[in-house]
Protein backbone atom coordinates (compact mmCIF):
# COMPACT_ATOMS: atom_id res chain seq x y z
CA UNK A 1 -2.76 -36.28 42.05
CA UNK A 2 -1.12 -34.27 39.28
CA UNK A 3 1.37 -31.45 39.51
CA UNK A 4 0.07 -27.88 38.70
CA UNK A 5 1.35 -26.40 35.43
CA UNK A 6 0.76 -22.64 34.98
CA UNK A 7 1.14 -22.99 31.18
CA UNK A 8 -1.92 -25.25 31.06
CA UNK A 9 -4.05 -22.57 32.69
CA UNK A 10 -2.69 -19.92 30.33
CA UNK A 11 -3.51 -21.97 27.25
CA UNK A 12 -6.92 -22.80 28.63
CA UNK A 13 -7.72 -19.10 28.97
CA UNK A 14 -6.37 -18.34 25.49
CA UNK A 15 -8.55 -21.09 23.99
CA UNK A 16 -11.61 -19.85 25.84
CA UNK A 17 -11.02 -16.26 24.58
CA UNK A 18 -10.62 -17.57 21.01
CA UNK A 19 -13.82 -19.58 21.33
CA UNK A 20 -15.74 -16.49 22.51
CA UNK A 21 -14.33 -14.25 19.79
CA UNK A 22 -14.90 -16.81 17.05
CA UNK A 23 -18.58 -17.10 17.57
CA UNK A 24 -19.17 -18.25 21.11
CA UNK A 25 -21.98 -15.73 21.59
CA UNK A 26 -23.84 -16.83 18.50
CA UNK A 27 -23.93 -20.59 19.05
CA UNK A 28 -20.88 -21.22 16.87
CA UNK A 29 -21.82 -19.14 13.87
CA UNK A 30 -19.00 -17.57 11.93
CA UNK A 31 -18.12 -13.92 12.38
CA UNK A 32 -19.48 -13.17 8.88
CA UNK A 33 -22.77 -14.82 9.77
CA UNK A 34 -23.01 -12.75 12.96
CA UNK A 35 -22.36 -9.51 11.14
CA UNK A 36 -24.69 -10.53 8.29
CA UNK A 37 -23.88 -12.54 5.22
CA UNK A 38 -21.71 -9.73 3.82
CA UNK A 39 -17.98 -10.34 4.41
CA UNK A 40 -16.02 -7.65 6.19
CA UNK A 41 -13.21 -6.03 4.20
CA UNK A 42 -9.80 -6.23 5.89
CA UNK A 43 -6.98 -3.75 5.39
CA UNK A 44 -4.60 -5.15 2.81
CA UNK A 45 -0.96 -5.36 3.97
CA UNK A 46 1.40 -3.86 1.36
CA UNK A 47 5.10 -3.67 0.49
CA UNK A 48 6.11 -0.43 -1.23
CA UNK A 49 9.43 0.08 -2.97
CA UNK A 50 10.80 3.24 -4.56
CA UNK A 51 13.09 3.25 -7.61
CA UNK A 52 14.29 6.12 -9.75
CA UNK A 53 11.50 5.42 -12.26
CA UNK A 54 8.52 4.26 -10.18
CA UNK A 55 6.94 3.28 -6.94
CA UNK A 56 6.22 -0.49 -6.84
CA UNK A 57 3.37 -1.72 -4.58
CA UNK A 58 3.06 -5.43 -3.82
CA UNK A 59 0.26 -7.19 -2.03
CA UNK A 60 -0.42 -10.89 -1.40
CA UNK A 61 -3.98 -11.77 -2.34
CA UNK A 62 -4.01 -15.58 -2.53
CA UNK A 63 -7.16 -17.18 -3.94
CA UNK A 64 -8.25 -14.11 -5.81
CA UNK A 65 -8.47 -13.85 -9.53
CA UNK A 66 -7.59 -10.63 -11.46
CA UNK A 67 -11.26 -9.92 -12.29
CA UNK A 68 -12.01 -9.87 -8.56
CA UNK A 69 -9.55 -7.03 -7.94
CA UNK A 70 -10.32 -3.36 -8.70
CA UNK A 71 -7.77 -0.61 -8.72
CA UNK A 72 -8.77 3.06 -9.14
CA UNK A 73 -6.98 6.38 -8.85
CA UNK A 74 -8.81 9.66 -8.25
CA UNK A 75 -7.40 13.02 -7.05
CA UNK A 76 -4.13 11.47 -5.94
CA UNK A 77 -5.71 8.56 -4.02
CA UNK A 78 -4.93 5.04 -5.16
CA UNK A 79 -7.62 2.49 -4.07
CA UNK A 80 -7.04 -1.25 -4.17
CA UNK A 81 -10.05 -3.41 -3.39
CA UNK A 82 -11.24 -6.88 -4.03
CA UNK A 83 -14.10 -9.17 -3.19
CA UNK A 84 -14.89 -12.72 -4.03
CA UNK A 85 -18.11 -14.66 -3.50
CA UNK A 86 -18.27 -16.75 -0.37
CA UNK A 87 -18.21 -20.40 -1.38
CA UNK A 88 -20.01 -23.09 0.53
CA UNK A 89 -18.30 -26.48 0.93
CA UNK A 90 -19.42 -29.19 -1.50
CA UNK A 91 -19.97 -31.59 1.41
CA UNK A 92 -20.16 -30.96 5.15
CA UNK A 93 -20.04 -27.67 6.98
CA UNK A 94 -17.18 -25.56 8.27
CA UNK A 95 -16.45 -25.88 11.94
CA UNK A 96 -13.70 -23.38 11.77
CA UNK A 97 -12.69 -21.12 8.89
CA UNK A 98 -9.51 -19.03 9.14
CA UNK A 99 -8.47 -18.80 5.51
CA UNK A 100 -11.56 -17.04 4.42
CA UNK A 101 -10.19 -13.71 3.25
CA UNK A 102 -13.26 -12.71 1.21
CA UNK A 103 -12.75 -8.96 0.78
CA UNK A 104 -9.95 -6.40 1.20
CA UNK A 105 -9.61 -2.65 0.88
CA UNK A 106 -6.69 -0.23 0.96
CA UNK A 107 -6.18 3.38 0.00
CA UNK A 108 -2.89 5.23 -0.44
CA UNK A 109 -2.17 8.94 -0.98
CA UNK A 110 0.20 9.21 -3.93
CA UNK A 111 3.10 11.64 -3.87
CA UNK A 112 2.88 14.59 -6.21
CA UNK A 113 5.65 13.40 -8.51
CA UNK A 114 3.75 10.52 -10.24
CA UNK A 115 2.12 9.96 -13.59
CA UNK A 116 -1.37 8.69 -12.80
CA UNK A 117 -2.06 7.85 -16.46
CA UNK A 118 0.87 5.39 -16.52
CA UNK A 119 -0.17 3.23 -13.56
CA UNK A 120 -0.12 -0.47 -14.39
CA UNK A 121 -0.97 -3.62 -12.47
CA UNK A 122 -0.25 -7.28 -12.89
CA UNK A 123 -1.29 -10.42 -11.05
CA UNK A 124 1.03 -13.40 -10.75
CA UNK A 125 0.85 -16.38 -8.38
CA UNK A 126 -1.40 -14.60 -5.88
CA UNK A 127 0.72 -11.43 -5.73
CA UNK A 128 -0.69 -8.15 -7.05
CA UNK A 129 1.97 -5.74 -8.27
CA UNK A 130 0.99 -2.14 -8.99
CA UNK A 131 3.61 0.06 -10.69
CA UNK A 132 3.16 3.82 -10.29
CA UNK A 133 5.60 5.65 -12.62
CA UNK A 134 7.27 8.77 -11.32
CA UNK A 135 7.00 11.97 -13.32
CA UNK A 136 10.04 13.33 -15.15
CA UNK A 137 11.18 16.13 -12.94
CA UNK A 138 13.48 18.94 -13.97
CA UNK A 139 17.01 17.74 -13.47
CA UNK A 140 19.32 20.16 -11.75
CA UNK A 141 21.94 21.77 -14.00
CA UNK A 142 25.51 21.74 -12.68
CA UNK A 143 27.30 25.03 -12.91
CA UNK A 144 31.05 24.80 -12.89
CA UNK A 145 32.80 27.09 -10.42
CA UNK A 146 36.03 28.57 -11.75
CA UNK A 147 38.93 29.99 -9.80
CA UNK A 148 39.66 33.70 -10.03
CA UNK A 149 42.87 32.99 -12.01
CA UNK A 150 40.80 31.40 -14.78
CA UNK A 151 38.40 34.34 -15.09
CA UNK A 152 39.33 37.23 -17.43
CA UNK A 153 40.46 40.40 -15.57
CA UNK A 154 37.71 42.96 -15.38
CA UNK A 155 38.37 45.85 -17.73
CA UNK A 156 37.95 49.50 -16.97
CA UNK A 157 35.12 51.06 -18.92
CA UNK A 158 35.55 54.71 -19.67
CA UNK A 159 32.32 56.62 -19.79
CA UNK A 160 32.00 60.26 -20.67
CA UNK A 161 31.41 62.41 -17.62
CA UNK A 162 28.19 64.07 -17.45
CA UNK A 163 28.63 67.65 -16.39
CA UNK A 164 26.31 69.65 -14.26
CA UNK A 165 26.81 72.89 -16.18
CA UNK A 166 26.88 72.01 -19.62
């Protein structure tokens, strides 16, 4: 006789739910195979930084090559998307596939103070960096306030009186 452990039951339920969500209804087929052979695009997580000169957008896209990523901007909407062909293993079959990010998609509304024509992107070690330059805005001009002692005294201006009779 063994002692009852509530954690064992909890993990058993979790494993059963994972099995059902990962293809239990389809006889073990992958989620992409259930939905068709076309991979589903996931929303791409981003880091966005703001500097005085630009907005810097960074996204991790491991396993993608620069030619598999497309960046467009239209009417103030920046779109980042990518897709790579699904590769079959050289030998054997996948029993479980969790690293298979095959497609991603993300859209951002750009603020009004950017220069769309200056947007640049680079790809290094699986990190996509998109730099969106900020537009030169009119800088405020500082007006110095002087004390009344420093201002010249207002002078009296004599004007000829305009008479009613003549």
